Amino acid sequence: MAKKLYVGGLNYATTDQGLKDAFSQAGNVESATVIMDRMSGRSKGFGFVEMSTEDEAQAAIGMYDGKELDGRTVRVSEARPQEARPPRTGGFNRRGGGFGGDDRRERSW
């Protein structure tokens, strides 16, 4: 069963292919993704690598955690499931966020 790894502290120039090539030394890499910022299109400095087996994932952690990759010391660990994020508040809706409030509310002054 595939095991997903978190890779933090990546060089901003590291690409998906570069990440895949590096981790392939530890075993079969099913996927490698560097997370990019939507607005700037620039790397956020972390990514995920999916190894084919648990043993290969542990080998990759031992090989790269705390070691240098593309000139930066990276952190490698088992990826945790993404936590649910609270709903966004703010903006220009009538739920109390944004600038000011709803002028149609009853005023007490």
PDB file of N, CA and C in Angstrom:
ATOM      1  N   MET A   1       0.843  -1.195   0.000  1.00  0.00           N
ATOM      2  CA  MET A   1       0.000   0.000   0.000  1.00  0.00           C
ATOM      3  C   MET A   1       0.881   1.248   0.000  1.00  0.00           C
ATOM      4  N   ALA A   2       0.498   2.230  -0.768  1.00  0.00           N
ATOM      5  CA  ALA A   2       1.280   3.461  -0.906  1.00  0.00           C
ATOM      6  C   ALA A   2       1.274   4.246   0.404  1.00  0.00           C
ATOM      7  N   LYS A   3       2.383   4.919   0.659  1.00  0.00           N
ATOM      8  CA  LYS A   3       2.534   5.718   1.876  1.00  0.00           C
ATOM      9  C   LYS A   3       2.932   7.126   1.474  1.00  0.00           C
ATOM     10  N   LYS A   4       2.171   8.117   1.943  1.00  0.00           N
ATOM     11  CA  LYS A   4       2.408   9.512   1.583  1.00  0.00           C
ATOM     12  C   LYS A   4       3.323  10.165   2.616  1.00  0.00           C
ATOM     13  N   LEU A   5       4.310  10.904   2.119  1.00  0.00           N
ATOM     14  CA  LEU A   5       5.271  11.607   2.965  1.00  0.00           C
ATOM     15  C   LEU A   5       5.153  13.111   2.759  1.00  0.00           C
ATOM     16  N   TYR A   6       5.346  13.857   3.848  1.00  0.00           N
ATOM     17  CA  TYR A   6       5.422  15.318   3.805  1.00  0.00           C
ATOM     18  C   TYR A   6       6.895  15.678   3.699  1.00  0.00           C
ATOM     19  N   VAL A   7       7.221  16.605   2.815  1.00  0.00           N
ATOM     20  CA  VAL A   7       8.597  17.082   2.657  1.00  0.00           C
ATOM     21  C   VAL A   7       8.569  18.596   2.820  1.00  0.00           C
ATOM     22  N   GLY A   8       9.155  19.096   3.908  1.00  0.00           N
ATOM     23  CA  GLY A   8       9.156  20.528   4.190  1.00  0.00           C
ATOM     24  C   GLY A   8      10.542  21.122   4.080  1.00  0.00           C
ATOM     25  N   GLY A   9      10.590  22.427   3.890  1.00  0.00           N
ATOM     26  CA  GLY A   9      11.862  23.139   3.795  1.00  0.00           C
ATOM     27  C   GLY A   9      12.507  23.046   2.425  1.00  0.00           C
ATOM     28  N   LEU A  10      11.684  22.797   1.401  1.00  0.00           N
ATOM     29  CA  LEU A  10      12.217  22.659   0.044  1.00  0.00           C
ATOM     30  C   LEU A  10      12.738  23.986  -0.495  1.00  0.00           C
ATOM     31  N   ASN A  11      13.737  23.884  -1.332  1.00  0.00           N
ATOM     32  CA  ASN A  11      14.219  25.030  -2.080  1.00  0.00           C
ATOM     33  C   ASN A  11      13.091  25.463  -3.021  1.00  0.00           C
ATOM     34  N   TYR A  12      12.889  26.752  -3.187  1.00  0.00           N
ATOM     35  CA  TYR A  12      11.804  27.241  -4.043  1.00  0.00           C
ATOM     36  C   TYR A  12      11.991  26.845  -5.503  1.00  0.00           C
ATOM     37  N   ALA A  13      13.198  26.461  -5.879  1.00  0.00           N
ATOM     38  CA  ALA A  13      13.462  26.050  -7.252  1.00  0.00           C
ATOM     39  C   ALA A  13      13.222  24.554  -7.480  1.00  0.00           C
ATOM     40  N   THR A  14      12.970  23.795  -6.423  1.00  0.00           N
ATOM     41  CA  THR A  14      12.735  22.358  -6.565  1.00  0.00           C
ATOM     42  C   THR A  14      11.433  22.114  -7.326  1.00  0.00           C
ATOM     43  N   THR A  15      11.486  21.205  -8.295  1.00  0.00           N
ATOM     44  CA  THR A  15      10.326  20.886  -9.112  1.00  0.00           C
ATOM     45  C   THR A  15       9.767  19.513  -8.733  1.00  0.00           C
ATOM     46  N   ASP A  16       8.586  19.211  -9.261  1.00  0.00           N
ATOM     47  CA  ASP A  16       7.989  17.890  -9.052  1.00  0.00           C
ATOM     48  C   ASP A  16       8.960  16.802  -9.512  1.00  0.00           C
ATOM     49  N   GLN A  17       9.529  16.986 -10.696  1.00  0.00           N
ATOM     50  CA  GLN A  17      10.436  15.976 -11.251  1.00  0.00           C
ATOM     51  C   GLN A  17      11.702  15.854 -10.410  1.00  0.00           C
ATOM     52  N   GLY A  18      12.238  16.968  -9.937  1.00  0.00           N
ATOM     53  CA  GLY A  18      13.428  16.934  -9.094  1.00  0.00           C
ATOM     54  C   GLY A  18      13.173  16.192  -7.793  1.00  0.00           C
ATOM     55  N   LEU A  19      11.996  16.404  -7.214  1.00  0.00           N
ATOM     56  CA  LEU A  19      11.608  15.716  -5.981  1.00  0.00           C
ATOM     57  C   LEU A  19      11.469  14.218  -6.242  1.00  0.00           C
ATOM     58  N   LYS A  20      10.843  13.881  -7.356  1.00  0.00           N
ATOM     59  CA  LYS A  20      10.655  12.465  -7.711  1.00  0.00           C
ATOM     60  C   LYS A  20      12.005  11.791  -7.942  1.00  0.00           C
ATOM     61  N   ASP A  21      12.886  12.449  -8.667  1.00  0.00           N
ATOM     62  CA  ASP A  21      14.208  11.882  -8.941  1.00  0.00           C
ATOM     63  C   ASP A  21      14.995  11.636  -7.654  1.00  0.00           C
ATOM     64  N   ALA A  22      14.950  12.596  -6.727  1.00  0.00           N
ATOM     65  CA  ALA A  22      15.690  12.451  -5.474  1.00  0.00           C
ATOM     66  C   ALA A  22      15.148  11.282  -4.653  1.00  0.00           C
ATOM     67  N   PHE A  23      13.833  11.199  -4.498  1.00  0.00           N
ATOM     68  CA  PHE A  23      13.248  10.167  -3.645  1.00  0.00           C
ATOM     69  C   PHE A  23      13.250   8.790  -4.301  1.00  0.00           C
ATOM     70  N   SER A  24      13.467   8.724  -5.602  1.00  0.00           N
ATOM     71  CA  SER A  24      13.511   7.422  -6.265  1.00  0.00           C
ATOM     72  C   SER A  24      14.737   6.619  -5.825  1.00  0.00           C
ATOM     73  N   GLN A  25      15.715   7.279  -5.212  1.00  0.00           N
ATOM     74  CA  GLN A  25      16.876   6.567  -4.671  1.00  0.00           C
ATOM     75  C   GLN A  25      16.484   5.684  -3.488  1.00  0.00           C
ATOM     76  N   ALA A  26      15.353   6.002  -2.847  1.00  0.00           N
ATOM     77  CA  ALA A  26      14.891   5.221  -1.695  1.00  0.00           C
ATOM     78  C   ALA A  26      13.897   4.137  -2.095  1.00  0.00           C
ATOM     79  N   GLY A  27      13.401   4.175  -3.329  1.00  0.00           N
ATOM     80  CA  GLY A  27      12.435   3.179  -3.780  1.00  0.00           C
ATOM     81  C   GLY A  27      11.544   3.731  -4.874  1.00  0.00           C
ATOM     82  N   ASN A  28      10.465   3.017  -5.130  1.00  0.00           N
ATOM     83  CA  ASN A  28       9.542   3.386  -6.198  1.00  0.00           C
ATOM     84  C   ASN A  28       8.648   4.550  -5.764  1.00  0.00           C
ATOM     85  N   VAL A  29       8.726   5.662  -6.481  1.00  0.00           N
ATOM     86  CA  VAL A  29       7.921   6.845  -6.188  1.00  0.00           C
ATOM     87  C   VAL A  29       6.678   6.812  -7.075  1.00  0.00           C
ATOM     88  N   GLU A  30       5.507   6.777  -6.454  1.00  0.00           N
ATOM     89  CA  GLU A  30       4.261   6.780  -7.223  1.00  0.00           C
ATOM     90  C   GLU A  30       3.891   8.183  -7.684  1.00  0.00           C
ATOM     91  N   SER A  31       4.141   9.187  -6.819  1.00  0.00           N
ATOM     92  CA  SER A  31       3.884  10.581  -7.193  1.00  0.00           C
ATOM     93  C   SER A  31       4.734  11.500  -6.341  1.00  0.00           C
ATOM     94  N   ALA A  32       5.025  12.666  -6.883  1.00  0.00           N
ATOM     95  CA  ALA A  32       5.774  13.698  -6.163  1.00  0.00           C
ATOM     96  C   ALA A  32       5.206  15.039  -6.594  1.00  0.00           C
ATOM     97  N   THR A  33       4.795  15.835  -5.618  1.00  0.00           N
ATOM     98  CA  THR A  33       4.156  17.115  -5.921  1.00  0.00           C
ATOM     99  C   THR A  33       4.715  18.212  -5.026  1.00  0.00           C
ATOM    100  N   VAL A  34       5.199  19.270  -5.640  1.00  0.00           N
ATOM    101  CA  VAL A  34       5.597  20.472  -4.906  1.00  0.00           C
ATOM    102  C   VAL A  34       4.368  21.374  -4.883  1.00  0.00           C
ATOM    103  N   ILE A  35       3.977  21.848  -3.713  1.00  0.00           N
ATOM    104  CA  ILE A  35       2.782  22.681  -3.573  1.00  0.00           C
ATOM    105  C   ILE A  35       3.103  24.111  -3.997  1.00  0.00           C
ATOM    106  N   MET A  36       2.259  24.628  -4.894  1.00  0.00           N
ATOM    107  CA  MET A  36       2.475  25.960  -5.455  1.00  0.00           C
ATOM    108  C   MET A  36       1.426  26.940  -4.939  1.00  0.00           C
ATOM    109  N   ASP A  37       1.810  28.191  -4.774  1.00  0.00           N
ATOM    110  CA  ASP A  37       0.896  29.253  -4.373  1.00  0.00           C
ATOM    111  C   ASP A  37       0.018  29.614  -5.568  1.00  0.00           C
ATOM    112  N   ARG A  38      -1.274  29.678  -5.363  1.00  0.00           N
ATOM    113  CA  ARG A  38      -2.195  29.970  -6.471  1.00  0.00           C
ATOM    114  C   ARG A  38      -2.011  31.362  -7.049  1.00  0.00           C
ATOM    115  N   MET A  39      -1.759  32.315  -6.179  1.00  0.00           N
ATOM    116  CA  MET A  39      -1.666  33.707  -6.641  1.00  0.00           C
ATOM    117  C   MET A  39      -0.351  33.990  -7.377  1.00  0.00           C
ATOM    118  N   SER A  40       0.768  33.591  -6.784  1.00  0.00           N
ATOM    119  CA  SER A  40       2.056  33.932  -7.370  1.00  0.00           C
ATOM    120  C   SER A  40       2.596  32.858  -8.321  1.00  0.00           C
ATOM    121  N   GLY A  41       2.092  31.629  -8.200  1.00  0.00           N
ATOM    122  CA  GLY A  41       2.609  30.538  -9.011  1.00  0.00           C
ATOM    123  C   GLY A  41       3.959  30.034  -8.533  1.00  0.00           C
ATOM    124  N   ARG A  42       4.385  30.500  -7.368  1.00  0.00           N
ATOM    125  CA  ARG A  42       5.687  30.141  -6.807  1.00  0.00           C
ATOM    126  C   ARG A  42       5.523  29.015  -5.791  1.00  0.00           C
ATOM    127  N   SER A  43       6.558  28.224  -5.609  1.00  0.00           N
ATOM    128  CA  SER A  43       6.538  27.129  -4.641  1.00  0.00           C
ATOM    129  C   SER A  43       6.305  27.664  -3.231  1.00  0.00           C
ATOM    130  N   LYS A  44       5.555  26.894  -2.441  1.00  0.00           N
ATOM    131  CA  LYS A  44       5.357  27.250  -1.037  1.00  0.00           C
ATOM    132  C   LYS A  44       6.446  26.663  -0.144  1.00  0.00           C
ATOM    133  N   GLY A  45       7.364  25.891  -0.731  1.00  0.00           N
ATOM    134  CA  GLY A  45       8.488  25.352   0.041  1.00  0.00           C
ATOM    135  C   GLY A  45       8.201  24.010   0.699  1.00  0.00           C
ATOM    136  N   PHE A  46       7.121  23.360   0.300  1.00  0.00           N
ATOM    137  CA  PHE A  46       6.872  22.013   0.801  1.00  0.00           C
ATOM    138  C   PHE A  46       6.157  21.207  -0.267  1.00  0.00           C
ATOM    139  N   GLY A  47       6.128  19.905  -0.048  1.00  0.00           N
ATOM    140  CA  GLY A  47       5.488  19.037  -1.022  1.00  0.00           C
ATOM    141  C   GLY A  47       5.173  17.686  -0.429  1.00  0.00           C
ATOM    142  N   PHE A  48       4.687  16.795  -1.271  1.00  0.00           N
ATOM    143  CA  PHE A  48       4.314  15.449  -0.851  1.00  0.00           C
ATOM    144  C   PHE A  48       4.880  14.440  -1.836  1.00  0.00           C
ATOM    145  N   VAL A  49       5.356  13.327  -1.285  1.00  0.00           N
ATOM    146  CA  VAL A  49       5.869  12.226  -2.086  1.00  0.00           C
ATOM    147  C   VAL A  49       5.130  10.977  -1.662  1.00  0.00           C
ATOM    148  N   GLU A  50       4.650  10.220  -2.628  1.00  0.00           N
ATOM    149  CA  GLU A  50       3.955   8.981  -2.325  1.00  0.00           C
ATOM    150  C   GLU A  50       4.848   7.817  -2.748  1.00  0.00           C
ATOM    151  N   MET A  51       5.279   7.040  -1.751  1.00  0.00           N
ATOM    152  CA  MET A  51       6.129   5.875  -1.991  1.00  0.00           C
ATOM    153  C   MET A  51       5.249   4.633  -2.102  1.00  0.00           C
ATOM    154  N   SER A  52       5.721   3.614  -2.822  1.00  0.00           N
ATOM    155  CA  SER A  52       4.926   2.415  -3.078  1.00  0.00           C
ATOM    156  C   SER A  52       4.640   1.585  -1.836  1.00  0.00           C
ATOM    157  N   THR A  53       5.631   1.468  -0.933  1.00  0.00           N
ATOM    158  CA  THR A  53       5.451   0.619   0.244  1.00  0.00           C
ATOM    159  C   THR A  53       5.863   1.353   1.514  1.00  0.00           C
ATOM    160  N   GLU A  54       5.445   0.796   2.628  1.00  0.00           N
ATOM    161  CA  GLU A  54       5.820   1.334   3.945  1.00  0.00           C
ATOM    162  C   GLU A  54       7.340   1.292   4.134  1.00  0.00           C
ATOM    163  N   ASP A  55       7.966   0.196   3.716  1.00  0.00           N
ATOM    164  CA  ASP A  55       9.423   0.061   3.864  1.00  0.00           C
ATOM    165  C   ASP A  55      10.171   1.121   3.058  1.00  0.00           C
ATOM    166  N   GLU A  56       9.699   1.385   1.841  1.00  0.00           N
ATOM    167  CA  GLU A  56      10.333   2.417   1.019  1.00  0.00           C
ATOM    168  C   GLU A  56      10.123   3.801   1.629  1.00  0.00           C
ATOM    169  N   ALA A  57       8.966   4.017   2.215  1.00  0.00           N
ATOM    170  CA  ALA A  57       8.691   5.302   2.867  1.00  0.00           C
ATOM    171  C   ALA A  57       9.630   5.498   4.058  1.00  0.00           C
ATOM    172  N   GLN A  58       9.814   4.454   4.864  1.00  0.00           N
ATOM    173  CA  GLN A  58      10.717   4.559   6.011  1.00  0.00           C
ATOM    174  C   GLN A  58      12.160   4.773   5.549  1.00  0.00           C
ATOM    175  N   ALA A  59      12.538   4.131   4.448  1.00  0.00           N
ATOM    176  CA  ALA A  59      13.882   4.323   3.894  1.00  0.00           C
ATOM    177  C   ALA A  59      14.070   5.773   3.441  1.00  0.00           C
ATOM    178  N   ALA A  60      13.033   6.346   2.812  1.00  0.00           N
ATOM    179  CA  ALA A  60      13.107   7.741   2.353  1.00  0.00           C
ATOM    180  C   ALA A  60      13.205   8.700   3.531  1.00  0.00           C
ATOM    181  N   ILE A  61      12.457   8.435   4.594  1.00  0.00           N
ATOM    182  CA  ILE A  61      12.540   9.286   5.786  1.00  0.00           C
ATOM    183  C   ILE A  61      13.953   9.239   6.348  1.00  0.00           C
ATOM    184  N   GLY A  62      14.511   8.039   6.480  1.00  0.00           N
ATOM    185  CA  GLY A  62      15.870   7.886   7.004  1.00  0.00           C
ATOM    186  C   GLY A  62      16.914   8.526   6.112  1.00  0.00           C
ATOM    187  N   MET A  63      16.676   8.495   4.817  1.00  0.00           N
ATOM    188  CA  MET A  63      17.639   9.018   3.851  1.00  0.00           C
ATOM    189  C   MET A  63      17.628  10.548   3.784  1.00  0.00           C
ATOM    190  N   TYR A  64      16.454  11.173   3.925  1.00  0.00           N
ATOM    191  CA  TYR A  64      16.358  12.616   3.676  1.00  0.00           C
ATOM    192  C   TYR A  64      15.996  13.497   4.866  1.00  0.00           C
ATOM    193  N   ASP A  65      15.393  12.959   5.917  1.00  0.00           N
ATOM    194  CA  ASP A  65      14.998  13.816   7.038  1.00  0.00           C
ATOM    195  C   ASP A  65      16.229  14.449   7.686  1.00  0.00           C
ATOM    196  N   GLY A  66      16.266  15.771   7.701  1.00  0.00           N
ATOM    197  CA  GLY A  66      17.390  16.499   8.285  1.00  0.00           C
ATOM    198  C   GLY A  66      18.594  16.599   7.368  1.00  0.00           C
ATOM    199  N   LYS A  67      18.453  16.145   6.143  1.00  0.00           N
ATOM    200  CA  LYS A  67      19.553  16.170   5.185  1.00  0.00           C
ATOM    201  C   LYS A  67      19.326  17.280   4.159  1.00  0.00           C
ATOM    202  N   GLU A  68      20.354  17.523   3.362  1.00  0.00           N
ATOM    203  CA  GLU A  68      20.298  18.596   2.378  1.00  0.00           C
ATOM    204  C   GLU A  68      19.763  18.092   1.037  1.00  0.00           C
ATOM    205  N   LEU A  69      18.858  18.867   0.466  1.00  0.00           N
ATOM    206  CA  LEU A  69      18.320  18.584  -0.868  1.00  0.00           C
ATOM    207  C   LEU A  69      18.237  19.917  -1.604  1.00  0.00           C
ATOM    208  N   ASP A  70      18.907  20.042  -2.714  1.00  0.00           N
ATOM    209  CA  ASP A  70      18.954  21.287  -3.499  1.00  0.00           C
ATOM    210  C   ASP A  70      19.398  22.484  -2.660  1.00  0.00           C
ATOM    211  N   GLY A  71      20.352  22.254  -1.773  1.00  0.00           N
ATOM    212  CA  GLY A  71      20.919  23.343  -0.984  1.00  0.00           C
ATOM    213  C   GLY A  71      20.137  23.741   0.260  1.00  0.00           C
ATOM    214  N   ARG A  72      19.085  23.014   0.601  1.00  0.00           N
ATOM    215  CA  ARG A  72      18.282  23.318   1.793  1.00  0.00           C
ATOM    216  C   ARG A  72      18.145  22.063   2.641  1.00  0.00           C
ATOM    217  N   THR A  73      18.111  22.229   3.954  1.00  0.00           N
ATOM    218  CA  THR A  73      17.869  21.107   4.860  1.00  0.00           C
ATOM    219  C   THR A  73      16.377  20.859   4.891  1.00  0.00           C
ATOM    220  N   VAL A  74      15.966  19.640   4.553  1.00  0.00           N
ATOM    221  CA  VAL A  74      14.541  19.321   4.469  1.00  0.00           C
ATOM    222  C   VAL A  74      14.098  18.458   5.647  1.00  0.00           C
ATOM    223  N   ARG A  75      12.804  18.535   5.925  1.00  0.00           N
ATOM    224  CA  ARG A  75      12.176  17.691   6.938  1.00  0.00           C
ATOM    225  C   ARG A  75      11.260  16.720   6.206  1.00  0.00           C
ATOM    226  N   VAL A  76      11.371  15.453   6.549  1.00  0.00           N
ATOM    227  CA  VAL A  76      10.542  14.430   5.900  1.00  0.00           C
ATOM    228  C   VAL A  76       9.859  13.627   6.990  1.00  0.00           C
ATOM    229  N   SER A  77       8.548  13.486   6.872  1.00  0.00           N
ATOM    230  CA  SER A  77       7.780  12.702   7.845  1.00  0.00           C
ATOM    231  C   SER A  77       6.550  12.132   7.156  1.00  0.00           C
ATOM    232  N   GLU A  78       5.872  11.221   7.855  1.00  0.00           N
ATOM    233  CA  GLU A  78       4.634  10.690   7.314  1.00  0.00           C
ATOM    234  C   GLU A  78       3.615  11.817   7.246  1.00  0.00           C
ATOM    235  N   ALA A  79       2.910  11.902   6.141  1.00  0.00           N
ATOM    236  CA  ALA A  79       1.900  12.949   5.969  1.00  0.00           C
ATOM    237  C   ALA A  79       0.698  12.621   6.849  1.00  0.00           C
ATOM    238  N   ARG A  80       0.142  13.653   7.454  1.00  0.00           N
ATOM    239  CA  ARG A  80      -1.083  13.493   8.254  1.00  0.00           C
ATOM    240  C   ARG A  80      -2.259  13.907   7.396  1.00  0.00           C
ATOM    241  N   PRO A  81      -3.440  13.358   7.698  1.00  0.00           N
ATOM    242  CA  PRO A  81      -4.622  13.795   6.932  1.00  0.00           C
ATOM    243  C   PRO A  81      -4.871  15.286   7.155  1.00  0.00           C
ATOM    244  N   GLN A  82      -5.356  15.945   6.128  1.00  0.00           N
ATOM    245  CA  GLN A  82      -5.640  17.369   6.237  1.00  0.00           C
ATOM    246  C   GLN A  82      -6.793  17.581   7.208  1.00  0.00           C
ATOM    247  N   GLU A  83      -6.591  18.502   8.131  1.00  0.00           N
ATOM    248  CA  GLU A  83      -7.635  18.802   9.108  1.00  0.00           C
ATOM    249  C   GLU A  83      -8.691  19.691   8.476  1.00  0.00           C
ATOM    250  N   ALA A  84      -9.917  19.498   8.921  1.00  0.00           N
ATOM    251  CA  ALA A  84     -11.005  20.346   8.419  1.00  0.00           C
ATOM    252  C   ALA A  84     -10.756  21.778   8.872  1.00  0.00           C
ATOM    253  N   ARG A  85     -10.927  22.696   7.953  1.00  0.00           N
ATOM    254  CA  ARG A  85     -10.731  24.100   8.279  1.00  0.00           C
ATOM    255  C   ARG A  85     -12.080  24.719   8.588  1.00  0.00           C
ATOM    256  N   PRO A  86     -12.105  25.641   9.545  1.00  0.00           N
ATOM    257  CA  PRO A  86     -13.374  26.301   9.833  1.00  0.00           C
ATOM    258  C   PRO A  86     -13.818  27.136   8.648  1.00  0.00           C
ATOM    259  N   PRO A  87     -15.118  27.340   8.511  1.00  0.00           N
ATOM    260  CA  PRO A  87     -15.584  28.146   7.380  1.00  0.00           C
ATOM    261  C   PRO A  87     -15.001  29.549   7.443  1.00  0.00           C
ATOM    262  N   ARG A  88     -14.764  30.107   6.295  1.00  0.00           N
ATOM    263  CA  ARG A  88     -14.198  31.452   6.232  1.00  0.00           C
ATOM    264  C   ARG A  88     -15.257  32.465   6.623  1.00  0.00           C
ATOM    265  N   THR A  89     -14.855  33.426   7.406  1.00  0.00           N
ATOM    266  CA  THR A  89     -15.741  34.537   7.734  1.00  0.00           C
ATOM    267  C   THR A  89     -15.062  35.798   7.260  1.00  0.00           C
ATOM    268  N   GLY A  90     -15.805  36.814   7.118  1.00  0.00           N
ATOM    269  CA  GLY A  90     -15.225  38.046   6.618  1.00  0.00           C
ATOM    270  C   GLY A  90     -15.717  38.299   5.218  1.00  0.00           C
ATOM    271  N   GLY A  91     -15.168  39.276   4.608  1.00  0.00           N
ATOM    272  CA  GLY A  91     -15.633  39.637   3.286  1.00  0.00           C
ATOM    273  C   GLY A  91     -16.780  40.623   3.397  1.00  0.00           C
ATOM    274  N   PHE A  92     -17.585  40.683   2.375  1.00  0.00           N
ATOM    275  CA  PHE A  92     -18.641  41.683   2.333  1.00  0.00           C
ATOM    276  C   PHE A  92     -20.015  41.033   2.403  1.00  0.00           C
ATOM    277  N   ASN A  93     -20.171  40.107   3.314  1.00  0.00           N
ATOM    278  CA  ASN A  93     -21.476  39.490   3.471  1.00  0.00           C
ATOM    279  C   ASN A  93     -22.200  40.095   4.670  1.00  0.00           C
ATOM    280  N   ARG A  94     -23.335  39.604   4.979  1.00  0.00           N
ATOM    281  CA  ARG A  94     -24.117  40.154   6.093  1.00  0.00           C
ATOM    282  C   ARG A  94     -24.000  39.300   7.341  1.00  0.00           C
ATOM    283  N   ARG A  95     -22.886  38.666   7.497  1.00  0.00           N
ATOM    284  CA  ARG A  95     -22.684  37.817   8.663  1.00  0.00           C
ATOM    285  C   ARG A  95     -21.699  38.437   9.647  1.00  0.00           C
ATOM    286  N   GLY A  96     -21.462  39.704   9.553  1.00  0.00           N
ATOM    287  CA  GLY A  96     -20.615  40.380  10.525  1.00  0.00           C
ATOM    288  C   GLY A  96     -19.175  40.558  10.102  1.00  0.00           C
ATOM    289  N   GLY A  97     -18.781  40.047   8.949  1.00  0.00           N
ATOM    290  CA  GLY A  97     -17.399  40.199   8.526  1.00  0.00           C
ATOM    291  C   GLY A  97     -17.248  41.394   7.612  1.00  0.00           C
ATOM    292  N   GLY A  98     -16.060  41.654   7.212  1.00  0.00           N
ATOM    293  CA  GLY A  98     -15.796  42.730   6.272  1.00  0.00           C
ATOM    294  C   GLY A  98     -15.759  44.077   6.946  1.00  0.00           C
ATOM    295  N   PHE A  99     -16.036  45.102   6.186  1.00  0.00           N
ATOM    296  CA  PHE A  99     -15.976  46.467   6.689  1.00  0.00           C
ATOM    297  C   PHE A  99     -17.375  46.930   7.064  1.00  0.00           C
ATOM    298  N   GLY A 100     -17.532  47.332   8.286  1.00  0.00           N
ATOM    299  CA  GLY A 100     -18.835  47.826   8.722  1.00  0.00           C
ATOM    300  C   GLY A 100     -19.829  46.701   8.887  1.00  0.00           C
ATOM    301  N   GLY A 101     -21.039  47.054   9.058  1.00  0.00           N
ATOM    302  CA  GLY A 101     -22.075  46.053   9.240  1.00  0.00           C
ATOM    303  C   GLY A 101     -23.214  46.296   8.282  1.00  0.00           C
ATOM    304  N   ASP A 102     -24.296  45.670   8.536  1.00  0.00           N
ATOM    305  CA  ASP A 102     -25.474  45.801   7.699  1.00  0.00           C
ATOM    306  C   ASP A 102     -26.255  47.018   8.181  1.00  0.00           C
ATOM    307  N   ASP A 103     -26.429  48.028   7.343  1.00  0.00           N
ATOM    308  CA  ASP A 103     -27.116  49.258   7.742  1.00  0.00           C
ATOM    309  C   ASP A 103     -28.603  49.045   7.976  1.00  0.00           C
ATOM    310  N   ARG A 104     -29.111  47.929   7.541  1.00  0.00           N
ATOM    311  CA  ARG A 104     -30.534  47.688   7.718  1.00  0.00           C
ATOM    312  C   ARG A 104     -30.879  47.152   9.115  1.00  0.00           C
ATOM    313  N   ARG A 105     -29.875  46.872   9.903  1.00  0.00           N
ATOM    314  CA  ARG A 105     -30.144  46.383  11.252  1.00  0.00           C
ATOM    315  C   ARG A 105     -30.763  47.469  12.095  1.00  0.00           C
ATOM    316  N   GLU A 106     -31.543  47.068  13.037  1.00  0.00           N
ATOM    317  CA  GLU A 106     -32.166  48.027  13.943  1.00  0.00           C
ATOM    318  C   GLU A 106     -31.082  48.641  14.819  1.00  0.00           C
ATOM    319  N   ARG A 107     -31.101  49.943  14.932  1.00  0.00           N
ATOM    320  CA  ARG A 107     -30.096  50.615  15.738  1.00  0.00           C
ATOM    321  C   ARG A 107     -30.660  50.940  17.101  1.00  0.00           C
ATOM    322  N   SER A 108     -29.792  50.903  18.091  1.00  0.00           N
ATOM    323  CA  SER A 108     -30.263  51.138  19.442  1.00  0.00           C
ATOM    324  C   SER A 108     -29.890  52.523  19.967  1.00  0.00           C
ATOM    325  N   TRP A 109     -29.590  53.453  19.104  1.00  0.00           N
ATOM    326  CA  TRP A 109     -29.244  54.787  19.575  1.00  0.00           C
ATOM    327  C   TRP A 109     -30.186  55.817  19.129  1.00  0.00           C
TER     328      TRP A 109
END
